[in-house]
């Protein structure tokens, strides 16, 4: 049955502490990595074009 009491629950001992997530967490996100990959490919293509095409 659904517990509808208003009493706050005590924190469970195995609950992880709230830790700030840093840059490595952000870089593990697929949409960000796809975006960075596309930008990197565009920069690489522009650099190769400048080096090898008149």
PDB file of N, CA and C in Angstrom:
ATOM      1  N   UNK A   1       0.846  -1.174   0.000  1.00  0.00           N
ATOM      2  CA  UNK A   1       0.000   0.000   0.000  1.00  0.00           C
ATOM      3  C   UNK A   1       0.889   1.234   0.000  1.00  0.00           C
ATOM      4  N   UNK A   2       0.405   2.329  -0.550  1.00  0.00           N
ATOM      5  CA  UNK A   2       1.146   3.575  -0.647  1.00  0.00           C
ATOM      6  C   UNK A   2       1.231   4.260   0.714  1.00  0.00           C
ATOM      7  N   UNK A   3       2.458   4.622   1.107  1.00  0.00           N
ATOM      8  CA  UNK A   3       2.663   5.306   2.385  1.00  0.00           C
ATOM      9  C   UNK A   3       2.435   6.800   2.184  1.00  0.00           C
ATOM     10  N   UNK A   4       1.410   7.351   2.824  1.00  0.00           N
ATOM     11  CA  UNK A   4       1.075   8.768   2.662  1.00  0.00           C
ATOM     12  C   UNK A   4       1.380   9.565   3.913  1.00  0.00           C
ATOM     13  N   UNK A   5       2.206   9.023   4.804  1.00  0.00           N
ATOM     14  CA  UNK A   5       2.531   9.751   6.038  1.00  0.00           C
ATOM     15  C   UNK A   5       3.414  10.954   5.706  1.00  0.00           C
ATOM     16  N   UNK A   6       3.341  11.976   6.541  1.00  0.00           N
ATOM     17  CA  UNK A   6       4.089  13.213   6.330  1.00  0.00           C
ATOM     18  C   UNK A   6       5.413  13.233   7.080  1.00  0.00           C
ATOM     19  N   UNK A   7       5.726  12.157   7.780  1.00  0.00           N
ATOM     20  CA  UNK A   7       6.962  12.118   8.548  1.00  0.00           C
ATOM     21  C   UNK A   7       8.156  11.956   7.605  1.00  0.00           C
ATOM     22  N   UNK A   8       9.214  12.756   7.808  1.00  0.00           N
ATOM     23  CA  UNK A   8      10.395  12.592   6.935  1.00  0.00           C
ATOM     24  C   UNK A   8      11.097  11.272   7.231  1.00  0.00           C
ATOM     25  N   UNK A   9      11.601  10.649   6.210  1.00  0.00           N
ATOM     26  CA  UNK A   9      12.308   9.385   6.365  1.00  0.00           C
ATOM     27  C   UNK A   9      13.743   9.647   6.796  1.00  0.00           C
ATOM     28  N   UNK A  10      14.276   8.826   7.695  1.00  0.00           N
ATOM     29  CA  UNK A  10      15.694   8.996   8.060  1.00  0.00           C
ATOM     30  C   UNK A  10      16.563   8.584   6.868  1.00  0.00           C
ATOM     31  N   UNK A  11      17.697   9.237   6.712  1.00  0.00           N
ATOM     32  CA  UNK A  11      18.565   8.868   5.577  1.00  0.00           C
ATOM     33  C   UNK A  11      19.100   7.456   5.752  1.00  0.00           C
ATOM     34  N   UNK A  12      19.096   6.721   4.677  1.00  0.00           N
ATOM     35  CA  UNK A  12      19.597   5.351   4.745  1.00  0.00           C
ATOM     36  C   UNK A  12      21.125   5.367   4.790  1.00  0.00           C
ATOM     37  N   UNK A  13      21.724   4.445   5.522  1.00  0.00           N
ATOM     38  CA  UNK A  13      23.197   4.472   5.661  1.00  0.00           C
ATOM     39  C   UNK A  13      23.924   4.168   4.354  1.00  0.00           C
ATOM     40  N   UNK A  14      23.307   3.427   3.429  1.00  0.00           N
ATOM     41  CA  UNK A  14      24.002   3.100   2.182  1.00  0.00           C
ATOM     42  C   UNK A  14      23.763   4.125   1.080  1.00  0.00           C
ATOM     43  N   UNK A  15      23.041   5.205   1.382  1.00  0.00           N
ATOM     44  CA  UNK A  15      22.800   6.238   0.367  1.00  0.00           C
ATOM     45  C   UNK A  15      24.098   6.990   0.094  1.00  0.00           C
ATOM     46  N   UNK A  16      24.452   7.168  -1.186  1.00  0.00           N
ATOM     47  CA  UNK A  16      25.695   7.893  -1.504  1.00  0.00           C
ATOM     48  C   UNK A  16      25.548   9.381  -1.194  1.00  0.00           C
ATOM     49  N   UNK A  17      26.646   9.980  -0.808  1.00  0.00           N
ATOM     50  CA  UNK A  17      26.645  11.420  -0.530  1.00  0.00           C
ATOM     51  C   UNK A  17      26.544  12.177  -1.850  1.00  0.00           C
ATOM     52  N   UNK A  18      25.922  13.336  -1.801  1.00  0.00           N
ATOM     53  CA  UNK A  18      25.807  14.158  -3.008  1.00  0.00           C
ATOM     54  C   UNK A  18      27.168  14.774  -3.320  1.00  0.00           C
ATOM     55  N   UNK A  19      27.794  14.258  -4.368  1.00  0.00           N
ATOM     56  CA  UNK A  19      29.093  14.773  -4.776  1.00  0.00           C
ATOM     57  C   UNK A  19      28.918  15.558  -6.061  1.00  0.00           C
ATOM     58  N   UNK A  20      29.614  16.679  -6.199  1.00  0.00           N
ATOM     59  CA  UNK A  20      29.510  17.426  -7.446  1.00  0.00           C
ATOM     60  C   UNK A  20      30.110  16.621  -8.593  1.00  0.00           C
ATOM     61  N   UNK A  21      29.456  16.679  -9.716  1.00  0.00           N
ATOM     62  CA  UNK A  21      29.967  15.959 -10.885  1.00  0.00           C
ATOM     63  C   UNK A  21      30.798  16.917 -11.714  1.00  0.00           C
ATOM     64  N   UNK A  22      31.959  16.467 -12.104  1.00  0.00           N
ATOM     65  CA  UNK A  22      32.896  17.350 -12.779  1.00  0.00           C
ATOM     66  C   UNK A  22      32.924  17.163 -14.280  1.00  0.00           C
ATOM     67  N   UNK A  23      34.033  17.544 -14.857  1.00  0.00           N
ATOM     68  CA  UNK A  23      34.197  17.580 -16.309  1.00  0.00           C
ATOM     69  C   UNK A  23      34.136  16.176 -16.928  1.00  0.00           C
ATOM     70  N   UNK A  24      34.678  15.181 -16.247  1.00  0.00           N
ATOM     71  CA  UNK A  24      34.679  13.841 -16.827  1.00  0.00           C
ATOM     72  C   UNK A  24      33.268  13.297 -16.958  1.00  0.00           C
ATOM     73  N   UNK A  25      32.381  13.656 -16.033  1.00  0.00           N
ATOM     74  CA  UNK A  25      30.990  13.244 -16.174  1.00  0.00           C
ATOM     75  C   UNK A  25      30.357  13.917 -17.386  1.00  0.00           C
ATOM     76  N   UNK A  26      30.644  15.201 -17.579  1.00  0.00           N
ATOM     77  CA  UNK A  26      30.067  15.924 -18.713  1.00  0.00           C
ATOM     78  C   UNK A  26      30.579  15.358 -20.038  1.00  0.00           C
ATOM     79  N   UNK A  27      31.843  14.979 -20.087  1.00  0.00           N
ATOM     80  CA  UNK A  27      32.403  14.454 -21.334  1.00  0.00           C
ATOM     81  C   UNK A  27      31.909  13.053 -21.652  1.00  0.00           C
ATOM     82  N   UNK A  28      31.305  12.379 -20.693  1.00  0.00           N
ATOM     83  CA  UNK A  28      30.815  11.032 -20.953  1.00  0.00           C
ATOM     84  C   UNK A  28      29.423  11.045 -21.582  1.00  0.00           C
ATOM     85  N   UNK A  29      28.843  12.207 -21.782  1.00  0.00           N
ATOM     86  CA  UNK A  29      27.499  12.292 -22.347  1.00  0.00           C
ATOM     87  C   UNK A  29      27.570  12.172 -23.871  1.00  0.00           C
ATOM     88  N   UNK A  30      26.815  11.266 -24.478  1.00  0.00           N
ATOM     89  CA  UNK A  30      26.893  11.061 -25.932  1.00  0.00           C
ATOM     90  C   UNK A  30      26.577  12.299 -26.770  1.00  0.00           C
ATOM     91  N   UNK A  31      25.545  13.105 -26.474  1.00  0.00           N
ATOM     92  CA  UNK A  31      25.307  14.276 -27.337  1.00  0.00           C
ATOM     93  C   UNK A  31      26.477  15.259 -27.345  1.00  0.00           C
ATOM     94  N   UNK A  32      27.115  15.454 -26.195  1.00  0.00           N
ATOM     95  CA  UNK A  32      28.261  16.359 -26.144  1.00  0.00           C
ATOM     96  C   UNK A  32      29.417  15.799 -26.955  1.00  0.00           C
ATOM     97  N   UNK A  33      29.664  14.504 -26.855  1.00  0.00           N
ATOM     98  CA  UNK A  33      30.775  13.909 -27.596  1.00  0.00           C
ATOM     99  C   UNK A  33      30.519  13.942 -29.095  1.00  0.00           C
ATOM    100  N   UNK A  34      29.269  13.758 -29.519  1.00  0.00           N
ATOM    101  CA  UNK A  34      28.944  13.859 -30.949  1.00  0.00           C
ATOM    102  C   UNK A  34      29.185  15.280 -31.430  1.00  0.00           C
ATOM    103  N   UNK A  35      28.736  16.266 -30.658  1.00  0.00           N
ATOM    104  CA  UNK A  35      28.937  17.666 -31.022  1.00  0.00           C
ATOM    105  C   UNK A  35      30.424  17.993 -31.123  1.00  0.00           C
ATOM    106  N   UNK A  36      31.208  17.582 -30.124  1.00  0.00           N
ATOM    107  CA  UNK A  36      32.638  17.861 -30.153  1.00  0.00           C
ATOM    108  C   UNK A  36      33.324  17.126 -31.303  1.00  0.00           C
ATOM    109  N   UNK A  37      32.867  15.935 -31.622  1.00  0.00           N
ATOM    110  CA  UNK A  37      33.429  15.199 -32.750  1.00  0.00           C
ATOM    111  C   UNK A  37      33.166  15.897 -34.073  1.00  0.00           C
ATOM    112  N   UNK A  38      31.956  16.419 -34.251  1.00  0.00           N
ATOM    113  CA  UNK A  38      31.621  17.144 -35.490  1.00  0.00           C
ATOM    114  C   UNK A  38      32.461  18.409 -35.604  1.00  0.00           C
ATOM    115  N   UNK A  39      32.567  19.165 -34.514  1.00  0.00           N
ATOM    116  CA  UNK A  39      33.377  20.380 -34.537  1.00  0.00           C
ATOM    117  C   UNK A  39      34.844  20.048 -34.825  1.00  0.00           C
ATOM    118  N   UNK A  40      35.349  18.979 -34.214  1.00  0.00           N
ATOM    119  CA  UNK A  40      36.729  18.565 -34.457  1.00  0.00           C
ATOM    120  C   UNK A  40      36.955  18.169 -35.905  1.00  0.00           C
ATOM    121  N   UNK A  41      36.001  17.458 -36.505  1.00  0.00           N
ATOM    122  CA  UNK A  41      36.129  17.074 -37.920  1.00  0.00           C
ATOM    123  C   UNK A  41      36.114  18.299 -38.828  1.00  0.00           C
ATOM    124  N   UNK A  42      35.251  19.260 -38.520  1.00  0.00           N
ATOM    125  CA  UNK A  42      35.214  20.483 -39.325  1.00  0.00           C
ATOM    126  C   UNK A  42      36.535  21.251 -39.229  1.00  0.00           C
ATOM    127  N   UNK A  43      37.098  21.334 -38.031  1.00  0.00           N
ATOM    128  CA  UNK A  43      38.393  22.008 -37.883  1.00  0.00           C
ATOM    129  C   UNK A  43      39.501  21.256 -38.612  1.00  0.00           C
ATOM    130  N   UNK A  44      39.469  19.932 -38.538  1.00  0.00           N
ATOM    131  CA  UNK A  44      40.469  19.129 -39.236  1.00  0.00           C
ATOM    132  C   UNK A  44      40.349  19.305 -40.746  1.00  0.00           C
ATOM    133  N   UNK A  45      39.133  19.287 -41.265  1.00  0.00           N
ATOM    134  CA  UNK A  45      38.940  19.475 -42.707  1.00  0.00           C
ATOM    135  C   UNK A  45      39.404  20.857 -43.150  1.00  0.00           C
ATOM    136  N   UNK A  46      39.134  21.891 -42.344  1.00  0.00           N
ATOM    137  CA  UNK A  46      39.583  23.242 -42.685  1.00  0.00           C
ATOM    138  C   UNK A  46      41.111  23.326 -42.668  1.00  0.00           C
ATOM    139  N   UNK A  47      41.748  22.687 -41.692  1.00  0.00           N
ATOM    140  CA  UNK A  47      43.206  22.715 -41.623  1.00  0.00           C
ATOM    141  C   UNK A  47      43.824  21.975 -42.802  1.00  0.00           C
ATOM    142  N   UNK A  48      43.281  20.811 -43.158  1.00  0.00           N
ATOM    143  CA  UNK A  48      43.806  20.064 -44.303  1.00  0.00           C
ATOM    144  C   UNK A  48      43.578  20.817 -45.604  1.00  0.00           C
ATOM    145  N   UNK A  49      42.453  21.500 -45.702  1.00  0.00           N
ATOM    146  CA  UNK A  49      42.178  22.298 -46.904  1.00  0.00           C
ATOM    147  C   UNK A  49      43.194  23.416 -47.037  1.00  0.00           C
ATOM    148  N   UNK A  50      43.512  24.087 -45.934  1.00  0.00           N
ATOM    149  CA  UNK A  50      44.500  25.171 -45.968  1.00  0.00           C
ATOM    150  C   UNK A  50      45.895  24.655 -46.292  1.00  0.00           C
ATOM    151  N   UNK A  51      46.212  23.429 -45.871  1.00  0.00           N
ATOM    152  CA  UNK A  51      47.559  22.906 -46.106  1.00  0.00           C
ATOM    153  C   UNK A  51      47.743  22.397 -47.525  1.00  0.00           C
ATOM    154  N   UNK A  52      46.739  21.746 -48.102  1.00  0.00           N
ATOM    155  CA  UNK A  52      46.961  21.009 -49.337  1.00  0.00           C
ATOM    156  C   UNK A  52      46.240  21.557 -50.565  1.00  0.00           C
ATOM    157  N   UNK A  53      45.346  22.513 -50.418  1.00  0.00           N
ATOM    158  CA  UNK A  53      44.608  23.061 -51.559  1.00  0.00           C
ATOM    159  C   UNK A  53      45.022  24.511 -51.740  1.00  0.00           C
ATOM    160  N   UNK A  54      45.230  24.873 -53.007  1.00  0.00           N
ATOM    161  CA  UNK A  54      45.667  26.250 -53.283  1.00  0.00           C
ATOM    162  C   UNK A  54      44.632  27.233 -52.926  1.00  0.00           C
TER     163      UNK A  54
END
